[in-house]
Amino acid sequence: MDCFYKVLNEKQHEQSLINEYNFDHPDAFDMDLLLEVLLKLKEGRKVEVPVYNFITHAREINTKTMYGANVIIFEGILVFHSLEILKLLDMKIFVDTDPDIRLARRLKRDISQRGRDLNGVLKQYLNMVKPSYANYIAPTMAHADIIVPRGGENKVAIHLIVQHVHTQLQLRGFKLREALANSYNDQPRPESLHLLPATPQIKGLHTFIRCKNTSRDEFIFYSKRLIRLVIEYALSLFPFKATTVETPQGVLYEGKRMATRKICGVSILRAGETMEQAICDVCKDIRIGKILIQTNKETEEPELYYLRLPKDIREYKVILMDATVATGAAAMMAIRVLLDHDVKEENIILASLLMAEIGVHSIAYAFPKVKIVTSAIDPEINDRFYVIPGIGNFGDRYFGTEPSDIFN
């Protein structure tokens, strides 16, 4: 909540420098911006959170990017003061701490981290912090679902809270991949799917990369050939316009030219990175972004770890690349990230070597305007969310890392 202090005017800034501005009053916070950010986070959307500098008493130029999550923890001493914010909270916890401990913590924080002196901190505490607690914070204890005495030392209370959160996640369908794997049985394939023709060449390339006895060198060679075909096919789906050129023989030729020059690729690491060279080979000076999404070992759900995108990506047609798609959970998260950066859904093409039937349906249902391009579709996935019959762990086989137990 400390991120949402209001921007101070000149008079207020002067008061803050001599510890006479009340940062512990509800009016010190930009509640409208705070409510807007919380609403977006709860909807799973990207937000830009302001960064407040407690030494200069001003907001920093740069903001902190945050994304919605299954669990969002919002902390602040005046959280319960706003009725609008209270309505957004699924679980309200009041941490009750001894006044002497609160004072000791404030002294340590303000002196060591915020450049204050002892007399200034005590003056502010006695004149503003303590009265504000009595008037605006303590009364809101009545809104709490749980009151935790002794804060972080109360291990029993923390354990009960964690257990309750786990229970609620299960009740609300937290297991996304499991839910996707059991959906869309026997449904017709979506119109947004663009499958490469199953020519003998395509079948032959798949034979090489699917065979467990194929050496790594051959696996890389034939994968690159197939990737190039997928990328070329994806590019053909972008709009083209008629154009006329003159041949060396002086004859006019009626041809086509791509209607847009703003195309970028975004790879879902790590397997999607193997497709970057192909798009660079066919699109001169193309810009490349990267998204790292990994599976949580405990929950087996996708989590966003890293993001690097062109700043003006909203103006681009985007080819999103991942070597294989099983349930579609990671690809859906990546598409959601692109949408959060104002990329239009119809400007996204998802390109992959191999997809499971369920992954195609899941992505098409969630994002019907996203075009899906792949060279093959396999009928099912196993209990480990591997595509069956599949090609194994594409990343391990391509990069030569330790193979998973799927080969054992």
Protein backbone atom coordinates (compact mmCIF):
# COMPACT_ATOMS: atom_id res chain seq x y z
CA MET A 1 0.00 0.00 0.00
CA ASP A 2 2.97 2.32 0.58
CA CYS A 3 3.44 2.47 -3.20
CA PHE A 4 0.23 4.49 -3.53
CA TYR A 5 1.04 7.62 -1.55
CA LYS A 6 -0.23 10.72 -3.33
CA VAL A 7 2.10 13.02 -5.22
CA LEU A 8 2.81 15.90 -2.82
CA ASN A 9 2.45 19.55 -3.75
CA GLU A 10 5.17 22.04 -2.82
CA LYS A 11 3.71 22.89 0.59
CA GLN A 12 3.15 19.22 1.51
CA HIS A 13 6.66 18.36 0.37
CA GLU A 14 8.11 21.02 2.68
CA GLN A 15 6.04 19.60 5.56
CA SER A 16 7.33 16.08 4.85
CA LEU A 17 10.94 17.25 5.10
CA ILE A 18 10.38 18.41 8.71
CA ASN A 19 8.18 15.41 9.67
CA GLU A 20 4.96 17.44 9.76
CA TYR A 21 3.11 15.74 6.89
CA ASN A 22 0.81 12.94 8.05
CA PHE A 23 1.60 9.85 5.96
CA ASP A 24 -0.60 7.74 8.27
CA HIS A 25 -3.88 9.46 7.42
CA PRO A 26 -6.19 7.82 4.83
CA ASP A 27 -6.12 11.00 2.74
CA ALA A 28 -2.38 10.51 2.16
CA PHE A 29 -3.13 7.60 -0.20
CA ASP A 30 -4.35 7.66 -3.79
CA MET A 31 -7.27 5.33 -3.12
CA ASP A 32 -8.72 5.69 -6.62
CA LEU A 33 -5.51 4.49 -8.29
CA LEU A 34 -5.13 1.74 -5.68
CA LEU A 35 -8.65 0.47 -6.34
CA GLU A 36 -8.08 0.53 -10.10
CA VAL A 37 -4.86 -1.50 -9.79
CA LEU A 38 -6.43 -4.08 -7.47
CA LEU A 39 -9.39 -4.55 -9.81
CA LYS A 40 -7.07 -5.22 -12.75
CA LEU A 41 -4.94 -7.65 -10.75
CA LYS A 42 -8.01 -9.57 -9.65
CA GLU A 43 -9.05 -9.83 -13.30
CA GLY A 44 -5.62 -11.29 -14.10
CA ARG A 45 -4.44 -8.24 -16.03
CA LYS A 46 -1.08 -6.48 -16.13
CA VAL A 47 -0.66 -3.35 -14.00
CA GLU A 48 1.98 -0.67 -13.52
CA VAL A 49 2.52 -0.05 -9.80
CA PRO A 50 4.06 3.30 -8.80
CA VAL A 51 7.32 3.30 -6.83
CA TYR A 52 7.40 5.83 -3.98
CA ASN A 53 10.74 7.22 -2.78
CA PHE A 54 10.59 7.85 0.98
CA ILE A 55 13.78 9.89 0.95
CA THR A 56 12.70 12.42 -1.69
CA HIS A 57 8.97 11.96 -0.89
CA ALA A 58 8.11 11.63 -4.57
CA ARG A 59 7.20 8.92 -7.06
CA GLU A 60 9.98 7.47 -9.16
CA ILE A 61 9.85 7.82 -12.94
CA ASN A 62 9.93 4.05 -13.44
CA THR A 63 7.06 1.86 -12.31
CA LYS A 64 6.94 -1.81 -11.32
CA THR A 65 5.11 -4.18 -13.66
CA MET A 66 2.93 -6.78 -11.96
CA TYR A 67 0.65 -9.49 -13.29
CA GLY A 68 -2.43 -11.16 -11.88
CA ALA A 69 -1.86 -14.42 -10.03
CA ASN A 70 -3.78 -17.23 -8.35
CA VAL A 71 -2.99 -15.66 -4.97
CA ILE A 72 -2.49 -11.91 -4.46
CA ILE A 73 -1.31 -10.66 -1.07
CA PHE A 74 -2.12 -6.99 -0.47
CA GLU A 75 -0.57 -5.45 2.65
CA GLY A 76 -0.97 -2.09 4.36
CA ILE A 77 -2.00 -0.65 7.72
CA LEU A 78 -4.99 1.20 6.22
CA VAL A 79 -6.18 -1.58 3.92
CA PHE A 80 -9.51 -2.00 5.73
CA HIS A 81 -10.36 1.72 5.76
CA SER A 82 -11.82 1.76 2.23
CA LEU A 83 -15.15 -0.04 1.86
CA GLU A 84 -14.60 -0.43 -1.90
CA ILE A 85 -11.31 -2.23 -1.31
CA LEU A 86 -12.84 -4.37 1.43
CA LYS A 87 -15.32 -5.76 -1.10
CA LEU A 88 -12.44 -7.02 -3.26
CA LEU A 89 -10.74 -9.01 -0.51
CA ASP A 90 -11.53 -12.72 -0.25
CA MET A 91 -9.75 -13.06 3.09
CA LYS A 92 -9.06 -10.25 5.57
CA ILE A 93 -6.27 -10.67 8.12
CA PHE A 94 -5.41 -8.19 10.88
CA VAL A 95 -1.92 -8.65 12.34
CA ASP A 96 -2.00 -7.36 15.93
CA THR A 97 1.42 -6.43 17.31
CA ASP A 98 2.48 -4.94 20.65
CA PRO A 99 2.82 -1.09 20.48
CA ASP A 100 6.41 -1.18 21.73
CA ILE A 101 7.38 -3.57 18.94
CA ARG A 102 5.64 -1.36 16.36
CA LEU A 103 7.61 1.66 17.58
CA ALA A 104 10.90 -0.27 17.56
CA ARG A 105 10.29 -1.45 14.00
CA ARG A 106 9.45 2.07 12.82
CA LEU A 107 12.59 3.50 14.41
CA LYS A 108 14.76 0.85 12.75
CA ARG A 109 13.12 1.24 9.33
CA ASP A 110 12.92 5.05 9.15
CA ILE A 111 16.45 5.65 10.44
CA SER A 112 18.24 2.91 8.46
CA GLN A 113 16.20 2.94 5.23
CA ARG A 114 14.56 6.36 4.92
CA GLY A 115 17.23 8.75 6.16
CA ARG A 116 15.31 10.07 9.18
CA ASP A 117 16.79 11.05 12.56
CA LEU A 118 15.66 9.78 15.96
CA ASN A 119 13.93 12.98 17.10
CA GLY A 120 12.08 13.32 13.81
CA VAL A 121 10.79 9.75 13.92
CA LEU A 122 9.61 10.09 17.54
CA LYS A 123 7.92 13.41 16.76
CA GLN A 124 6.06 11.92 13.83
CA TYR A 125 5.13 8.81 15.81
CA LEU A 126 3.66 10.69 18.78
CA ASN A 127 1.89 13.40 16.77
CA MET A 128 0.61 11.39 13.81
CA VAL A 129 1.28 7.65 13.79
CA LYS A 130 -0.09 6.82 17.23
CA PRO A 131 -3.27 8.97 16.90
CA SER A 132 -3.89 7.57 13.40
CA TYR A 133 -3.67 4.03 14.71
CA ALA A 134 -6.28 4.79 17.37
CA ASN A 135 -8.60 6.66 14.99
CA TYR A 136 -8.31 4.83 11.67
CA ILE A 137 -6.61 1.45 12.10
CA ALA A 138 -7.65 -0.17 15.38
CA PRO A 139 -11.41 0.30 14.66
CA THR A 140 -11.06 -1.61 11.37
CA MET A 141 -10.12 -4.74 13.31
CA ALA A 142 -13.85 -5.47 13.30
CA HIS A 143 -13.69 -6.12 9.53
CA ALA A 144 -11.06 -8.85 9.87
CA ASP A 145 -11.86 -12.52 9.28
CA ILE A 146 -8.78 -13.51 11.27
CA ILE A 147 -6.82 -11.58 13.91
CA VAL A 148 -3.25 -12.82 14.27
CA PRO A 149 -1.42 -11.85 17.48
CA ARG A 150 2.41 -11.71 17.47
CA GLY A 151 2.61 -11.56 13.65
CA GLY A 152 5.20 -13.81 12.03
CA GLU A 153 5.97 -15.56 15.30
CA ASN A 154 2.51 -17.13 15.33
CA LYS A 155 3.28 -20.27 13.32
CA VAL A 156 -0.05 -21.93 14.13
CA ALA A 157 -2.07 -19.03 12.70
CA ILE A 158 0.11 -18.88 9.58
CA HIS A 159 -0.34 -22.62 9.00
CA LEU A 160 -4.13 -22.31 9.28
CA ILE A 161 -4.17 -19.40 6.81
CA VAL A 162 -2.06 -21.34 4.29
CA GLN A 163 -4.32 -24.37 4.60
CA HIS A 164 -7.40 -22.24 3.99
CA VAL A 165 -5.84 -20.69 0.87
CA HIS A 166 -4.96 -24.14 -0.48
CA THR A 167 -8.53 -25.32 0.11
CA GLN A 168 -10.01 -22.31 -1.69
CA LEU A 169 -7.70 -22.80 -4.66
CA GLN A 170 -8.82 -26.40 -5.03
CA LEU A 171 -12.49 -25.43 -4.79
CA ARG A 172 -12.08 -22.72 -7.43
CA GLY A 173 -10.41 -24.97 -9.99
CA PHE A 174 -6.77 -24.09 -9.44
CA LYS A 175 -5.58 -27.12 -11.42
CA LEU A 176 -5.70 -25.46 -14.84
CA ARG A 177 -3.79 -28.11 -16.80
CA GLU A 178 -5.81 -30.93 -15.30
CA ALA A 179 -9.03 -29.14 -16.22
CA LEU A 180 -7.86 -28.46 -19.76
CA ALA A 181 -6.79 -32.07 -20.23
CA ASN A 182 -10.32 -33.27 -19.51
CA SER A 183 -12.12 -30.81 -21.80
CA TYR A 184 -13.20 -30.57 -25.43
CA ASN A 185 -13.47 -34.25 -26.20
CA ASP A 186 -14.63 -35.08 -29.77
CA GLN A 187 -15.11 -31.43 -30.75
CA PRO A 188 -14.60 -30.33 -34.38
CA ARG A 189 -11.33 -28.54 -35.02
CA PRO A 190 -11.56 -24.74 -34.80
CA GLU A 191 -11.48 -22.47 -37.85
CA SER A 192 -8.50 -20.61 -36.40
CA LEU A 193 -6.33 -23.73 -36.86
CA HIS A 194 -4.01 -23.79 -39.89
CA LEU A 195 -2.43 -27.21 -40.32
CA LEU A 196 0.41 -27.73 -42.78
CA PRO A 197 -0.62 -30.20 -45.53
CA ALA A 198 0.45 -33.73 -44.58
CA THR A 199 2.75 -34.15 -47.58
CA PRO A 200 5.25 -37.02 -47.75
CA GLN A 201 7.98 -34.48 -46.93
CA ILE A 202 6.22 -33.38 -43.72
CA LYS A 203 5.59 -37.00 -42.73
CA GLY A 204 9.22 -37.84 -43.45
CA LEU A 205 10.53 -35.01 -41.26
CA HIS A 206 8.22 -36.08 -38.44
CA THR A 207 9.49 -39.63 -38.75
CA PHE A 208 13.03 -38.44 -38.09
CA ILE A 209 12.27 -36.17 -35.13
CA ARG A 210 9.83 -38.61 -33.49
CA CYS A 211 12.19 -41.59 -33.62
CA LYS A 212 13.90 -42.12 -30.25
CA ASN A 213 17.01 -43.47 -32.00
CA THR A 214 17.62 -40.30 -34.01
CA SER A 215 20.95 -38.75 -33.03
CA ARG A 216 21.03 -35.22 -31.64
CA ASP A 217 22.72 -33.83 -34.77
CA GLU A 218 20.06 -35.33 -37.01
CA PHE A 219 17.29 -34.26 -34.63
CA ILE A 220 18.49 -30.65 -34.82
CA PHE A 221 18.91 -30.78 -38.61
CA TYR A 222 15.44 -32.14 -39.36
CA SER A 223 13.80 -29.98 -36.67
CA LYS A 224 15.26 -26.88 -38.32
CA ARG A 225 13.88 -27.94 -41.68
CA LEU A 226 10.42 -28.43 -40.22
CA ILE A 227 10.58 -25.20 -38.21
CA ARG A 228 11.41 -23.27 -41.40
CA LEU A 229 8.32 -24.69 -43.11
CA VAL A 230 6.10 -23.79 -40.14
CA ILE A 231 7.41 -20.21 -40.02
CA GLU A 232 6.99 -19.73 -43.77
CA TYR A 233 3.42 -21.04 -43.53
CA ALA A 234 2.67 -18.70 -40.62
CA LEU A 235 3.98 -15.70 -42.57
CA SER A 236 1.64 -16.54 -45.46
CA LEU A 237 -1.33 -15.85 -43.15
CA PHE A 238 -0.48 -12.17 -42.76
CA PRO A 239 -2.25 -9.77 -45.16
CA PHE A 240 -0.68 -9.18 -48.58
CA LYS A 241 -1.42 -6.50 -51.16
CA ALA A 242 -1.13 -6.50 -54.94
CA THR A 243 1.95 -4.90 -56.45
CA THR A 244 3.54 -4.60 -59.87
CA VAL A 245 7.27 -4.89 -60.59
CA GLU A 246 9.34 -4.81 -63.77
CA THR A 247 11.45 -7.85 -64.59
CA PRO A 248 15.00 -7.64 -66.05
CA GLN A 249 13.42 -8.35 -69.44
CA GLY A 250 11.34 -5.17 -69.15
CA VAL A 251 8.07 -7.05 -68.61
CA LEU A 252 5.62 -6.13 -65.84
CA TYR A 253 4.84 -8.79 -63.26
CA GLU A 254 1.73 -8.72 -61.09
CA GLY A 255 2.77 -9.94 -57.67
CA LYS A 256 2.12 -9.63 -53.96
CA ARG A 257 3.84 -7.76 -51.17
CA MET A 258 3.25 -8.13 -47.43
CA ALA A 259 0.91 -5.36 -46.28
CA THR A 260 2.84 -4.71 -43.09
CA ARG A 261 6.54 -4.42 -42.34
CA LYS A 262 6.05 -4.47 -38.59
CA ILE A 263 6.43 -8.14 -37.67
CA CYS A 264 8.17 -9.48 -34.60
CA GLY A 265 8.73 -12.91 -33.12
CA VAL A 266 8.25 -13.87 -29.48
CA SER A 267 9.62 -17.19 -28.26
CA ILE A 268 8.35 -19.09 -25.24
CA LEU A 269 11.55 -20.25 -23.59
CA ARG A 270 13.21 -22.56 -23.78
CA ALA A 271 11.92 -24.76 -26.62
CA GLY A 272 10.48 -21.80 -28.51
CA GLU A 273 13.97 -20.33 -28.76
CA THR A 274 14.84 -23.04 -31.29
CA MET A 275 12.48 -21.34 -33.77
CA GLU A 276 14.12 -17.91 -33.59
CA GLN A 277 16.79 -18.58 -36.23
CA ALA A 278 14.20 -19.63 -38.80
CA ILE A 279 12.20 -16.42 -38.46
CA CYS A 280 15.41 -14.36 -38.55
CA ASP A 281 16.44 -16.14 -41.77
CA VAL A 282 13.23 -15.23 -43.60
CA CYS A 283 12.47 -11.81 -42.05
CA LYS A 284 15.33 -9.34 -42.37
CA ASP A 285 16.14 -7.37 -39.18
CA ILE A 286 13.13 -8.80 -37.33
CA ARG A 287 12.82 -7.97 -33.64
CA ILE A 288 12.64 -10.87 -31.18
CA GLY A 289 11.04 -10.96 -27.73
CA LYS A 290 11.25 -13.69 -25.11
CA ILE A 291 8.89 -15.05 -22.46
CA LEU A 292 10.06 -17.60 -19.89
CA ILE A 293 7.23 -19.74 -18.56
CA GLN A 294 8.10 -22.76 -16.44
CA THR A 295 6.05 -25.44 -14.77
CA ASN A 296 5.88 -25.34 -10.99
CA LYS A 297 7.19 -28.72 -9.80
CA GLU A 298 4.67 -28.91 -6.95
CA THR A 299 1.49 -27.66 -8.65
CA GLU A 300 2.44 -28.59 -12.25
CA GLU A 301 0.98 -25.22 -13.30
CA PRO A 302 2.71 -22.68 -15.60
CA GLU A 303 4.35 -19.63 -13.99
CA LEU A 304 5.80 -16.50 -15.60
CA TYR A 305 9.47 -15.98 -14.71
CA TYR A 306 10.93 -13.62 -17.31
CA LEU A 307 9.71 -11.20 -19.94
CA ARG A 308 11.45 -9.10 -22.59
CA LEU A 309 9.34 -7.57 -25.33
CA PRO A 310 9.80 -4.71 -27.81
CA LYS A 311 8.51 -1.49 -26.23
CA ASP A 312 6.14 -0.74 -29.11
CA ILE A 313 4.99 -4.33 -29.60
CA ARG A 314 1.34 -3.22 -29.68
CA GLU A 315 2.01 -1.89 -33.20
CA TYR A 316 3.32 -5.24 -34.49
CA LYS A 317 2.02 -8.45 -35.95
CA VAL A 318 3.40 -11.12 -33.62
CA ILE A 319 4.44 -14.71 -34.29
CA LEU A 320 4.45 -16.49 -30.93
CA MET A 321 6.71 -19.54 -31.06
CA ASP A 322 6.80 -22.74 -29.00
CA ALA A 323 8.11 -26.06 -30.27
CA THR A 324 5.35 -28.18 -28.75
CA VAL A 325 1.95 -27.47 -27.18
CA ALA A 326 0.30 -30.02 -24.90
CA THR A 327 -2.57 -28.63 -22.78
CA GLY A 328 -1.98 -25.11 -24.07
CA ALA A 329 -1.64 -23.63 -20.57
CA ALA A 330 1.78 -22.04 -21.20
CA ALA A 331 0.78 -20.71 -24.62
CA MET A 332 -2.40 -19.23 -23.15
CA MET A 333 -0.38 -17.46 -20.46
CA ALA A 334 1.98 -16.08 -23.12
CA ILE A 335 -0.95 -14.85 -25.23
CA ARG A 336 -2.41 -13.20 -22.14
CA VAL A 337 0.89 -11.39 -21.58
CA LEU A 338 0.85 -10.11 -25.17
CA LEU A 339 -2.72 -8.89 -24.78
CA ASP A 340 -1.72 -7.12 -21.56
CA HIS A 341 0.87 -5.26 -23.63
CA ASP A 342 -1.92 -4.09 -25.96
CA VAL A 343 -1.20 -6.49 -28.82
CA LYS A 344 -4.46 -7.11 -30.67
CA GLU A 345 -5.66 -10.70 -30.51
CA GLU A 346 -6.10 -10.85 -34.29
CA ASN A 347 -2.45 -9.79 -34.73
CA ILE A 348 -1.11 -12.91 -32.98
CA ILE A 349 -0.13 -16.16 -34.71
CA LEU A 350 0.89 -19.10 -32.53
CA ALA A 351 3.38 -21.31 -34.39
CA SER A 352 4.42 -24.76 -33.18
CA LEU A 353 5.89 -27.96 -34.62
CA LEU A 354 3.50 -30.25 -32.78
CA MET A 355 0.31 -29.79 -30.80
CA ALA A 356 -2.02 -32.01 -28.86
CA GLU A 357 -5.67 -31.94 -29.86
CA ILE A 358 -6.68 -30.61 -26.45
CA GLY A 359 -4.17 -27.78 -26.66
CA VAL A 360 -5.58 -26.61 -29.98
CA HIS A 361 -9.13 -26.53 -28.62
CA SER A 362 -8.17 -24.84 -25.36
CA ILE A 363 -6.31 -22.00 -27.08
CA ALA A 364 -8.94 -21.53 -29.78
CA TYR A 365 -11.74 -21.40 -27.20
CA ALA A 366 -9.95 -18.86 -25.00
CA PHE A 367 -8.61 -16.73 -27.88
CA PRO A 368 -10.72 -17.32 -31.01
CA LYS A 369 -8.99 -14.56 -33.02
CA VAL A 370 -5.49 -16.00 -32.55
CA LYS A 371 -4.38 -18.02 -35.58
CA ILE A 372 -2.81 -21.38 -34.76
CA VAL A 373 -0.18 -22.91 -37.07
CA THR A 374 1.33 -26.37 -36.63
CA SER A 375 2.74 -29.20 -38.72
CA ALA A 376 0.95 -32.02 -36.88
CA ILE A 377 -1.68 -32.69 -34.23
CA ASP A 378 -1.49 -35.69 -31.90
CA PRO A 379 -4.65 -37.10 -30.31
CA GLU A 380 -3.86 -37.10 -26.59
CA ILE A 381 -1.58 -36.32 -23.65
CA ASN A 382 -0.52 -38.58 -20.79
CA ASP A 383 -0.76 -38.00 -17.04
CA ARG A 384 2.56 -36.11 -17.17
CA PHE A 385 1.12 -33.74 -19.80
CA TYR A 386 3.36 -35.05 -22.59
CA VAL A 387 1.92 -35.21 -26.11
CA ILE A 388 1.21 -38.79 -27.24
CA PRO A 389 2.68 -40.27 -29.44
CA GLY A 390 4.69 -37.05 -29.43
CA ILE A 391 8.42 -36.37 -29.79
CA GLY A 392 9.49 -36.55 -26.14
CA ASN A 393 10.95 -33.52 -24.38
CA PHE A 394 11.87 -31.34 -27.34
CA GLY A 395 14.13 -29.02 -25.33
CA ASP A 396 16.16 -31.86 -23.85
CA ARG A 397 16.64 -33.54 -27.21
CA TYR A 398 17.53 -30.32 -29.04
CA PHE A 399 19.88 -28.79 -26.46
CA GLY A 400 21.39 -32.10 -25.33
CA THR A 401 20.40 -31.67 -21.70
CA GLU A 402 19.58 -34.51 -19.32
CA PRO A 403 16.64 -36.46 -20.76
CA SER A 404 13.53 -36.84 -18.67
CA ASP A 405 12.22 -40.14 -17.46
CA ILE A 406 9.84 -40.29 -20.42
CA PHE A 407 12.58 -42.23 -22.24
CA ASN A 408 13.17 -44.70 -19.40
